[in-house]
Amino acid sequence: MEIKNDIRCIKLILPNGKVVDVLSPVLGEICKWLQNETTKPESGGYIVGYQHTSTGNISLEAVSHPYLMDIKNRVRFDIRDPRHQLFLRKARRNKSYYMGVWHTHPQEVPVPSDIDWNDWNETMRSDTTGCQFVFFIIAGTKEWRVWAGALENGIIHELMECEKNTEGIYLKDETNEEFC
């Protein structure tokens, strides 16, 4: 998906047929950290959001960003600063929960590295979220991609944007009457 900072929400279809909304604060914050210059290091943080009790759909509403004590260079980012934990605690007080991690790559279209896959698989074994998925976002310099790992079976799927009409409006899915 092309990176645009002026979008209010991106709707992605989950493997279970539900929808995940990636809200504008997530997209806006990630855009600030893109590696669009050779001097910019890899960046990342946590993703928080919630699952709607009535529909089962998910909203990803905010992300933490790199802090001073994080480890970052051109091709690596490790969350180390305790302010990420403060971010998660504050989110939890507002009924928003840990949902996954994001980071940047210096590629136009990001491709997960072996380190990414190993980290994601470890995350699937060790983390719990506010829903049945763990989300992984990688932002390249031109496009971003999103994966969801199903906690029940450990399978990680790349997510695709829901279908839109010619005006860019998301189409309603007739099977569950949700806008997708």
N, C-alpha and C. Protein backbone atom coordinates (compact mmCIF):
# COMPACT_ATOMS: atom_id res chain seq x y z
N MET A 1 0.84 -1.17 0.00
CA MET A 1 0.00 0.00 0.00
C MET A 1 0.89 1.24 0.00
N GLU A 2 0.52 2.19 -0.80
CA GLU A 2 1.31 3.40 -0.88
C GLU A 2 1.20 4.19 0.42
N ILE A 3 2.31 4.81 0.81
CA ILE A 3 2.34 5.61 2.04
C ILE A 3 1.78 6.99 1.73
N LYS A 4 0.73 7.37 2.44
CA LYS A 4 0.15 8.70 2.33
C LYS A 4 -0.15 9.19 3.74
N ASN A 5 0.20 10.42 4.03
CA ASN A 5 0.03 10.96 5.37
C ASN A 5 -1.33 11.63 5.56
N ASP A 6 -2.11 11.77 4.50
CA ASP A 6 -3.38 12.51 4.60
C ASP A 6 -4.61 11.60 4.64
N ILE A 7 -4.42 10.33 4.97
CA ILE A 7 -5.52 9.37 4.98
C ILE A 7 -6.07 9.26 6.40
N ARG A 8 -7.38 9.23 6.53
CA ARG A 8 -8.01 9.10 7.85
C ARG A 8 -7.97 7.69 8.38
N CYS A 9 -8.11 6.71 7.49
CA CYS A 9 -8.21 5.32 7.93
C CYS A 9 -7.97 4.41 6.74
N ILE A 10 -7.25 3.32 7.00
CA ILE A 10 -7.08 2.27 6.00
C ILE A 10 -7.78 1.03 6.54
N LYS A 11 -8.58 0.38 5.72
CA LYS A 11 -9.29 -0.84 6.13
C LYS A 11 -8.61 -2.04 5.48
N LEU A 12 -8.25 -3.01 6.32
CA LEU A 12 -7.60 -4.24 5.86
C LEU A 12 -8.47 -5.43 6.24
N ILE A 13 -8.44 -6.45 5.42
CA ILE A 13 -9.25 -7.65 5.70
C ILE A 13 -8.38 -8.67 6.45
N LEU A 14 -8.92 -9.19 7.54
CA LEU A 14 -8.23 -10.19 8.36
C LEU A 14 -8.51 -11.59 7.84
N PRO A 15 -7.67 -12.57 8.20
CA PRO A 15 -7.91 -13.95 7.75
C PRO A 15 -9.26 -14.52 8.19
N ASN A 16 -9.83 -14.01 9.29
CA ASN A 16 -11.12 -14.50 9.76
C ASN A 16 -12.31 -13.75 9.14
N GLY A 17 -12.04 -12.87 8.17
CA GLY A 17 -13.10 -12.13 7.50
C GLY A 17 -13.47 -10.82 8.17
N LYS A 18 -12.96 -10.56 9.35
CA LYS A 18 -13.20 -9.29 10.03
C LYS A 18 -12.29 -8.22 9.43
N VAL A 19 -12.48 -6.99 9.88
CA VAL A 19 -11.75 -5.85 9.33
C VAL A 19 -10.89 -5.22 10.42
N VAL A 20 -9.70 -4.79 10.02
CA VAL A 20 -8.86 -3.99 10.92
C VAL A 20 -8.74 -2.60 10.31
N ASP A 21 -9.05 -1.59 11.12
CA ASP A 21 -8.91 -0.19 10.72
C ASP A 21 -7.58 0.32 11.26
N VAL A 22 -6.72 0.80 10.37
CA VAL A 22 -5.48 1.45 10.77
C VAL A 22 -5.77 2.94 10.73
N LEU A 23 -5.85 3.56 11.91
CA LEU A 23 -6.30 4.95 12.01
C LEU A 23 -5.18 5.95 11.70
N SER A 24 -5.56 7.17 11.38
CA SER A 24 -4.61 8.19 10.93
C SER A 24 -3.48 8.48 11.91
N PRO A 25 -3.68 8.45 13.25
CA PRO A 25 -2.51 8.69 14.12
C PRO A 25 -1.40 7.66 13.94
N VAL A 26 -1.76 6.44 13.59
CA VAL A 26 -0.76 5.40 13.32
C VAL A 26 0.02 5.77 12.06
N LEU A 27 -0.70 6.05 11.00
CA LEU A 27 -0.06 6.37 9.73
C LEU A 27 0.76 7.65 9.83
N GLY A 28 0.22 8.65 10.50
CA GLY A 28 0.92 9.94 10.63
C GLY A 28 2.23 9.81 11.39
N GLU A 29 2.22 9.06 12.49
CA GLU A 29 3.44 8.91 13.29
C GLU A 29 4.48 8.10 12.53
N ILE A 30 4.08 7.02 11.90
CA ILE A 30 5.04 6.21 11.14
C ILE A 30 5.67 7.03 10.02
N CYS A 31 4.88 7.88 9.35
CA CYS A 31 5.41 8.71 8.26
C CYS A 31 6.54 9.62 8.73
N LYS A 32 6.52 10.03 9.98
CA LYS A 32 7.57 10.91 10.52
C LYS A 32 8.93 10.22 10.57
N TRP A 33 8.94 8.89 10.56
CA TRP A 33 10.17 8.14 10.80
C TRP A 33 10.68 7.37 9.58
N LEU A 34 10.09 7.61 8.41
CA LEU A 34 10.50 6.89 7.21
C LEU A 34 11.98 7.10 6.92
N GLN A 35 12.63 6.08 6.42
CA GLN A 35 14.06 6.14 6.09
C GLN A 35 14.26 6.65 4.67
N ASN A 36 13.75 7.84 4.40
CA ASN A 36 13.80 8.40 3.06
C ASN A 36 15.06 9.22 2.80
N GLU A 37 16.02 9.18 3.71
CA GLU A 37 17.35 9.76 3.52
C GLU A 37 18.36 8.73 4.03
N THR A 38 19.54 8.70 3.44
CA THR A 38 20.53 7.68 3.80
C THR A 38 21.04 7.82 5.24
N THR A 39 20.82 8.97 5.85
CA THR A 39 21.29 9.18 7.23
C THR A 39 20.27 8.75 8.28
N LYS A 40 19.05 8.44 7.86
CA LYS A 40 18.00 8.10 8.83
C LYS A 40 18.10 6.63 9.25
N PRO A 41 18.08 6.38 10.58
CA PRO A 41 18.16 5.01 11.06
C PRO A 41 16.80 4.31 11.00
N GLU A 42 16.83 3.00 11.13
CA GLU A 42 15.60 2.24 11.27
C GLU A 42 14.91 2.70 12.54
N SER A 43 13.60 2.79 12.51
CA SER A 43 12.81 3.24 13.65
C SER A 43 11.66 2.29 13.88
N GLY A 44 11.03 2.38 15.05
CA GLY A 44 9.90 1.51 15.32
C GLY A 44 9.29 1.77 16.67
N GLY A 45 8.37 0.88 17.04
CA GLY A 45 7.70 1.01 18.32
C GLY A 45 6.55 0.02 18.43
N TYR A 46 5.75 0.23 19.46
CA TYR A 46 4.59 -0.62 19.71
C TYR A 46 3.35 -0.06 19.03
N ILE A 47 2.39 -0.93 18.77
CA ILE A 47 1.08 -0.56 18.23
C ILE A 47 0.04 -0.86 19.30
N VAL A 48 -0.89 0.07 19.51
CA VAL A 48 -1.99 -0.17 20.45
C VAL A 48 -3.33 0.02 19.74
N GLY A 49 -4.35 -0.64 20.28
CA GLY A 49 -5.68 -0.54 19.71
C GLY A 49 -6.64 -1.37 20.52
N TYR A 50 -7.75 -1.73 19.92
CA TYR A 50 -8.79 -2.49 20.64
C TYR A 50 -9.65 -3.25 19.64
N GLN A 51 -10.36 -4.24 20.18
CA GLN A 51 -11.31 -5.00 19.37
C GLN A 51 -12.71 -4.56 19.75
N HIS A 52 -13.53 -4.29 18.76
CA HIS A 52 -14.91 -3.89 18.97
C HIS A 52 -15.71 -5.10 19.44
N THR A 53 -16.37 -4.99 20.59
CA THR A 53 -17.09 -6.14 21.14
C THR A 53 -18.30 -6.52 20.28
N SER A 54 -18.96 -5.55 19.66
CA SER A 54 -20.17 -5.86 18.89
C SER A 54 -19.87 -6.49 17.53
N THR A 55 -18.79 -6.07 16.85
CA THR A 55 -18.51 -6.55 15.50
C THR A 55 -17.34 -7.53 15.42
N GLY A 56 -16.44 -7.48 16.38
CA GLY A 56 -15.23 -8.28 16.30
C GLY A 56 -14.15 -7.64 15.45
N ASN A 57 -14.46 -6.49 14.84
CA ASN A 57 -13.46 -5.77 14.06
C ASN A 57 -12.45 -5.13 15.01
N ILE A 58 -11.31 -4.73 14.47
CA ILE A 58 -10.20 -4.24 15.28
C ILE A 58 -9.80 -2.85 14.80
N SER A 59 -9.45 -1.98 15.72
CA SER A 59 -8.91 -0.66 15.39
C SER A 59 -7.50 -0.55 15.96
N LEU A 60 -6.56 -0.18 15.11
CA LEU A 60 -5.21 0.14 15.55
C LEU A 60 -5.15 1.66 15.60
N GLU A 61 -4.99 2.21 16.81
CA GLU A 61 -5.21 3.65 16.95
C GLU A 61 -3.99 4.49 17.27
N ALA A 62 -2.88 3.91 17.71
CA ALA A 62 -1.70 4.72 18.02
C ALA A 62 -0.46 3.84 18.02
N VAL A 63 0.70 4.47 17.91
CA VAL A 63 1.98 3.78 17.99
C VAL A 63 2.93 4.58 18.86
N SER A 64 3.85 3.87 19.52
CA SER A 64 4.95 4.56 20.18
C SER A 64 6.01 4.85 19.12
N HIS A 65 6.95 5.71 19.45
CA HIS A 65 7.99 6.08 18.50
C HIS A 65 9.36 5.89 19.14
N PRO A 66 10.43 5.96 18.35
CA PRO A 66 11.76 5.76 18.91
C PRO A 66 12.10 6.79 20.00
N TYR A 67 12.81 6.31 21.01
CA TYR A 67 13.29 7.16 22.09
C TYR A 67 14.81 7.04 22.18
N LEU A 68 15.40 7.88 22.99
CA LEU A 68 16.85 7.99 23.10
C LEU A 68 17.55 6.68 23.42
N MET A 69 16.99 5.86 24.31
CA MET A 69 17.67 4.64 24.75
C MET A 69 17.42 3.43 23.84
N ASP A 70 16.60 3.59 22.80
CA ASP A 70 16.42 2.51 21.83
C ASP A 70 17.70 2.33 21.02
N ILE A 71 17.91 1.13 20.53
CA ILE A 71 19.07 0.85 19.69
C ILE A 71 18.63 0.99 18.24
N LYS A 72 19.31 1.87 17.50
CA LYS A 72 18.91 2.11 16.12
C LYS A 72 20.13 2.40 15.25
N ASN A 73 20.13 1.76 14.08
CA ASN A 73 21.09 2.10 13.03
C ASN A 73 20.37 1.92 11.70
N ARG A 74 21.07 1.96 10.61
CA ARG A 74 20.42 1.95 9.30
C ARG A 74 19.59 0.69 9.04
N VAL A 75 19.98 -0.45 9.62
CA VAL A 75 19.27 -1.70 9.32
C VAL A 75 18.82 -2.45 10.57
N ARG A 76 18.74 -1.79 11.70
CA ARG A 76 18.33 -2.49 12.93
C ARG A 76 17.68 -1.51 13.89
N PHE A 77 16.64 -2.00 14.59
CA PHE A 77 15.98 -1.23 15.64
C PHE A 77 15.58 -2.19 16.75
N ASP A 78 15.95 -1.86 17.98
CA ASP A 78 15.55 -2.64 19.14
C ASP A 78 14.91 -1.71 20.17
N ILE A 79 13.71 -2.07 20.61
CA ILE A 79 13.03 -1.31 21.65
C ILE A 79 13.73 -1.56 22.98
N ARG A 80 14.29 -0.52 23.56
CA ARG A 80 14.99 -0.64 24.84
C ARG A 80 14.58 0.44 25.83
N ASP A 81 14.05 1.54 25.34
CA ASP A 81 13.72 2.65 26.22
C ASP A 81 12.48 2.35 27.05
N PRO A 82 12.51 2.60 28.37
CA PRO A 82 11.35 2.32 29.22
C PRO A 82 10.11 3.17 28.90
N ARG A 83 10.28 4.22 28.13
CA ARG A 83 9.11 5.05 27.78
C ARG A 83 8.10 4.30 26.91
N HIS A 84 8.55 3.24 26.22
CA HIS A 84 7.59 2.42 25.46
C HIS A 84 6.62 1.73 26.43
N GLN A 85 7.14 1.26 27.57
CA GLN A 85 6.28 0.63 28.58
C GLN A 85 5.31 1.66 29.18
N LEU A 86 5.78 2.88 29.37
CA LEU A 86 4.88 3.95 29.85
C LEU A 86 3.78 4.21 28.84
N PHE A 87 4.13 4.20 27.56
CA PHE A 87 3.15 4.36 26.49
C PHE A 87 2.08 3.28 26.58
N LEU A 88 2.50 2.01 26.78
CA LEU A 88 1.54 0.90 26.88
C LEU A 88 0.65 1.05 28.12
N ARG A 89 1.22 1.45 29.25
CA ARG A 89 0.42 1.61 30.47
C ARG A 89 -0.61 2.73 30.31
N LYS A 90 -0.20 3.84 29.71
CA LYS A 90 -1.14 4.95 29.48
C LYS A 90 -2.26 4.51 28.53
N ALA A 91 -1.91 3.79 27.49
CA ALA A 91 -2.91 3.30 26.54
C ALA A 91 -3.90 2.39 27.25
N ARG A 92 -3.41 1.50 28.09
CA ARG A 92 -4.28 0.55 28.80
C ARG A 92 -5.29 1.29 29.67
N ARG A 93 -4.87 2.37 30.31
CA ARG A 93 -5.80 3.17 31.13
C ARG A 93 -6.93 3.73 30.27
N ASN A 94 -6.66 3.93 28.98
CA ASN A 94 -7.67 4.45 28.06
C ASN A 94 -8.35 3.35 27.25
N LYS A 95 -8.24 2.09 27.74
CA LYS A 95 -8.88 0.93 27.12
C LYS A 95 -8.34 0.63 25.72
N SER A 96 -7.06 0.91 25.52
CA SER A 96 -6.35 0.57 24.30
C SER A 96 -5.20 -0.35 24.69
N TYR A 97 -4.99 -1.41 23.94
CA TYR A 97 -4.10 -2.47 24.38
C TYR A 97 -3.00 -2.75 23.35
N TYR A 98 -1.93 -3.38 23.82
CA TYR A 98 -0.84 -3.79 22.95
C TYR A 98 -1.39 -4.68 21.84
N MET A 99 -1.02 -4.34 20.59
CA MET A 99 -1.49 -5.11 19.44
C MET A 99 -0.37 -5.57 18.53
N GLY A 100 0.87 -5.11 18.76
CA GLY A 100 1.96 -5.53 17.91
C GLY A 100 3.06 -4.50 17.84
N VAL A 101 3.87 -4.61 16.78
CA VAL A 101 5.04 -3.74 16.61
C VAL A 101 5.12 -3.23 15.17
N TRP A 102 5.82 -2.13 15.03
CA TRP A 102 6.07 -1.56 13.71
C TRP A 102 7.54 -1.17 13.62
N HIS A 103 8.05 -1.12 12.39
CA HIS A 103 9.38 -0.57 12.16
C HIS A 103 9.52 -0.18 10.70
N THR A 104 10.59 0.54 10.41
CA THR A 104 10.85 1.01 9.05
C THR A 104 11.94 0.16 8.40
N HIS A 105 11.98 0.23 7.08
CA HIS A 105 13.06 -0.35 6.28
C HIS A 105 13.50 0.70 5.26
N PRO A 106 14.77 0.67 4.84
CA PRO A 106 15.23 1.64 3.84
C PRO A 106 14.87 1.26 2.41
N GLN A 107 14.07 0.22 2.21
CA GLN A 107 13.63 -0.20 0.87
C GLN A 107 12.38 0.57 0.47
N GLU A 108 12.17 0.74 -0.84
CA GLU A 108 10.92 1.37 -1.31
C GLU A 108 9.72 0.52 -0.88
N VAL A 109 9.77 -0.78 -1.21
CA VAL A 109 8.73 -1.72 -0.81
C VAL A 109 9.38 -2.67 0.19
N PRO A 110 8.97 -2.61 1.45
CA PRO A 110 9.67 -3.39 2.47
C PRO A 110 9.45 -4.90 2.34
N VAL A 111 10.51 -5.64 2.58
CA VAL A 111 10.48 -7.10 2.59
C VAL A 111 11.00 -7.54 3.95
N PRO A 112 10.24 -8.37 4.68
CA PRO A 112 10.71 -8.81 6.00
C PRO A 112 12.03 -9.57 5.89
N SER A 113 12.96 -9.24 6.77
CA SER A 113 14.24 -9.93 6.81
C SER A 113 14.09 -11.22 7.61
N ASP A 114 15.12 -12.05 7.58
CA ASP A 114 15.13 -13.25 8.42
C ASP A 114 15.02 -12.87 9.89
N ILE A 115 15.66 -11.77 10.28
CA ILE A 115 15.55 -11.28 11.67
C ILE A 115 14.11 -10.93 11.99
N ASP A 116 13.42 -10.27 11.05
CA ASP A 116 12.00 -9.93 11.26
C ASP A 116 11.19 -11.20 11.49
N TRP A 117 11.33 -12.19 10.60
CA TRP A 117 10.55 -13.43 10.72
C TRP A 117 10.84 -14.13 12.05
N ASN A 118 12.11 -14.17 12.44
CA ASN A 118 12.47 -14.80 13.73
C ASN A 118 11.85 -14.05 14.89
N ASP A 119 11.94 -12.71 14.86
CA ASP A 119 11.33 -11.89 15.93
C ASP A 119 9.81 -12.08 15.97
N TRP A 120 9.18 -12.11 14.80
CA TRP A 120 7.73 -12.26 14.75
C TRP A 120 7.30 -13.62 15.30
N ASN A 121 8.03 -14.65 14.94
CA ASN A 121 7.69 -15.98 15.45
C ASN A 121 7.87 -16.06 16.96
N GLU A 122 8.91 -15.43 17.49
CA GLU A 122 9.10 -15.38 18.94
C GLU A 122 7.97 -14.57 19.59
N THR A 123 7.59 -13.47 18.97
CA THR A 123 6.48 -12.66 19.48
C THR A 123 5.20 -13.48 19.53
N MET A 124 4.96 -14.30 18.51
CA MET A 124 3.77 -15.14 18.47
C MET A 124 3.75 -16.13 19.65
N ARG A 125 4.92 -16.60 20.06
CA ARG A 125 5.00 -17.56 21.16
C ARG A 125 4.90 -16.88 22.53
N SER A 126 5.32 -15.61 22.64
CA SER A 126 5.48 -15.01 23.96
C SER A 126 4.51 -13.89 24.31
N ASP A 127 3.95 -13.20 23.32
CA ASP A 127 3.13 -12.02 23.60
C ASP A 127 1.64 -12.34 23.61
N THR A 128 0.91 -11.52 24.35
CA THR A 128 -0.55 -11.55 24.29
C THR A 128 -1.01 -10.15 23.90
N THR A 129 -2.12 -10.07 23.21
CA THR A 129 -2.63 -8.79 22.73
C THR A 129 -4.07 -8.61 23.18
N GLY A 130 -4.66 -7.49 22.74
CA GLY A 130 -6.05 -7.21 23.04
C GLY A 130 -7.02 -7.90 22.10
N CYS A 131 -6.53 -8.87 21.31
CA CYS A 131 -7.38 -9.62 20.39
C CYS A 131 -6.69 -10.94 20.07
N GLN A 132 -7.15 -11.63 19.03
CA GLN A 132 -6.57 -12.94 18.69
C GLN A 132 -5.45 -12.84 17.66
N PHE A 133 -4.98 -11.64 17.35
CA PHE A 133 -3.90 -11.43 16.39
C PHE A 133 -2.80 -10.57 16.99
N VAL A 134 -1.59 -10.70 16.43
CA VAL A 134 -0.49 -9.77 16.67
C VAL A 134 -0.21 -9.12 15.32
N PHE A 135 -0.09 -7.80 15.30
CA PHE A 135 0.12 -7.07 14.06
C PHE A 135 1.57 -6.65 13.91
N PHE A 136 2.06 -6.74 12.66
CA PHE A 136 3.42 -6.37 12.33
C PHE A 136 3.36 -5.43 11.12
N ILE A 137 3.84 -4.21 11.30
CA ILE A 137 3.85 -3.23 10.21
C ILE A 137 5.30 -2.91 9.86
N ILE A 138 5.60 -2.94 8.56
CA ILE A 138 6.89 -2.45 8.08
C ILE A 138 6.61 -1.35 7.07
N ALA A 139 7.22 -0.19 7.29
CA ALA A 139 7.07 0.94 6.38
C ALA A 139 8.36 1.11 5.59
N GLY A 140 8.26 1.01 4.27
CA GLY A 140 9.38 1.32 3.39
C GLY A 140 9.35 2.80 3.06
N THR A 141 10.13 3.19 2.07
CA THR A 141 10.18 4.61 1.71
C THR A 141 9.02 5.02 0.81
N LYS A 142 8.41 4.07 0.11
CA LYS A 142 7.27 4.36 -0.78
C LYS A 142 6.00 3.63 -0.39
N GLU A 143 6.14 2.43 0.16
CA GLU A 143 4.97 1.62 0.52
C GLU A 143 5.14 1.03 1.91
N TRP A 144 3.99 0.63 2.48
CA TRP A 144 4.02 -0.06 3.77
C TRP A 144 3.21 -1.34 3.64
N ARG A 145 3.57 -2.31 4.49
CA ARG A 145 2.89 -3.60 4.46
C ARG A 145 2.54 -3.99 5.89
N VAL A 146 1.45 -4.77 6.01
CA VAL A 146 0.96 -5.18 7.32
C VAL A 146 0.74 -6.69 7.32
N TRP A 147 1.19 -7.33 8.40
CA TRP A 147 0.96 -8.76 8.61
C TRP A 147 0.23 -8.93 9.93
N ALA A 148 -0.57 -9.99 10.00
CA ALA A 148 -1.25 -10.35 11.26
C ALA A 148 -0.92 -11.80 11.56
N GLY A 149 -0.43 -12.03 12.76
CA GLY A 149 -0.15 -13.38 13.21
C GLY A 149 -1.32 -13.88 14.04
N ALA A 150 -1.89 -15.00 13.67
CA ALA A 150 -3.01 -15.58 14.41
C ALA A 150 -2.46 -16.32 15.63
N LEU A 151 -2.84 -15.87 16.82
CA LEU A 151 -2.32 -16.46 18.05
C LEU A 151 -2.78 -17.90 18.23
N GLU A 152 -3.93 -18.28 17.67
CA GLU A 152 -4.44 -19.63 17.86
C GLU A 152 -3.63 -20.70 17.14
N ASN A 153 -3.01 -20.33 15.98
CA ASN A 153 -2.28 -21.34 15.22
C ASN A 153 -0.87 -20.93 14.82
N GLY A 154 -0.48 -19.69 15.12
CA GLY A 154 0.88 -19.23 14.83
C GLY A 154 1.14 -18.87 13.38
N ILE A 155 0.11 -18.85 12.55
CA ILE A 155 0.29 -18.52 11.13
C ILE A 155 0.26 -17.01 10.95
N ILE A 156 1.22 -16.50 10.19
CA ILE A 156 1.32 -15.07 9.91
C ILE A 156 0.88 -14.82 8.47
N HIS A 157 -0.13 -13.95 8.30
CA HIS A 157 -0.69 -13.62 6.99
C HIS A 157 -0.41 -12.16 6.67
N GLU A 158 -0.05 -11.88 5.41
CA GLU A 158 0.00 -10.49 4.99
C GLU A 158 -1.43 -10.03 4.75
N LEU A 159 -1.76 -8.82 5.20
CA LEU A 159 -3.11 -8.28 5.05
C LEU A 159 -3.18 -7.40 3.81
N MET A 160 -4.33 -7.44 3.16
CA MET A 160 -4.58 -6.63 1.97
C MET A 160 -5.68 -5.63 2.28
N GLU A 161 -5.61 -4.50 1.59
CA GLU A 161 -6.62 -3.46 1.78
C GLU A 161 -7.95 -3.95 1.24
N CYS A 162 -9.02 -3.56 1.91
CA CYS A 162 -10.37 -3.88 1.45
C CYS A 162 -10.64 -3.19 0.12
N GLU A 163 -11.58 -3.74 -0.61
CA GLU A 163 -11.90 -3.23 -1.94
C GLU A 163 -12.59 -1.87 -1.86
N LYS A 164 -12.24 -1.00 -2.82
CA LYS A 164 -12.84 0.34 -2.91
C LYS A 164 -13.51 0.50 -4.27
N ASN A 165 -14.45 1.45 -4.33
CA ASN A 165 -15.05 1.77 -5.63
C ASN A 165 -14.18 2.81 -6.34
N THR A 166 -14.62 3.30 -7.48
CA THR A 166 -13.82 4.24 -8.27
C THR A 166 -13.60 5.58 -7.57
N GLU A 167 -14.46 5.92 -6.61
CA GLU A 167 -14.29 7.17 -5.85
C GLU A 167 -13.42 6.98 -4.62
N GLY A 168 -12.92 5.76 -4.41
CA GLY A 168 -12.07 5.50 -3.25
C GLY A 168 -12.84 5.19 -1.98
N ILE A 169 -14.14 4.90 -2.10
CA ILE A 169 -14.97 4.55 -0.95
C ILE A 169 -14.94 3.04 -0.76
N TYR A 170 -14.75 2.61 0.49
CA TYR A 170 -14.74 1.18 0.76
C TYR A 170 -16.10 0.57 0.47
N LEU A 171 -16.10 -0.60 -0.16
CA LEU A 171 -17.34 -1.28 -0.51
C LEU A 171 -17.86 -2.07 0.67
N LYS A 172 -19.17 -2.16 0.76
CA LYS A 172 -19.80 -2.93 1.83
C LYS A 172 -19.77 -4.40 1.47
N ASP A 173 -19.37 -5.22 2.44
CA ASP A 173 -19.34 -6.67 2.25
C ASP A 173 -20.74 -7.19 2.55
N GLU A 174 -21.37 -7.77 1.55
CA GLU A 174 -22.77 -8.21 1.71
C GLU A 174 -22.93 -9.37 2.69
N THR A 175 -21.87 -10.13 2.93
CA THR A 175 -22.00 -11.29 3.80
C THR A 175 -22.13 -10.91 5.27
N ASN A 176 -21.46 -9.84 5.69
CA ASN A 176 -21.56 -9.48 7.11
C ASN A 176 -22.01 -8.03 7.31
N GLU A 177 -22.37 -7.38 6.21
CA GLU A 177 -22.88 -6.02 6.23
C GLU A 177 -21.94 -5.02 6.90
N GLU A 178 -20.66 -5.31 6.88
CA GLU A 178 -19.64 -4.38 7.36
C GLU A 178 -19.03 -3.67 6.17
N PHE A 179 -18.60 -2.44 6.37
CA PHE A 179 -17.87 -1.77 5.30
C PHE A 179 -16.46 -2.32 5.28
N CYS A 180 -16.09 -2.84 4.15
CA CYS A 180 -14.76 -3.41 3.99
C CYS A 180 -14.16 -2.89 2.71
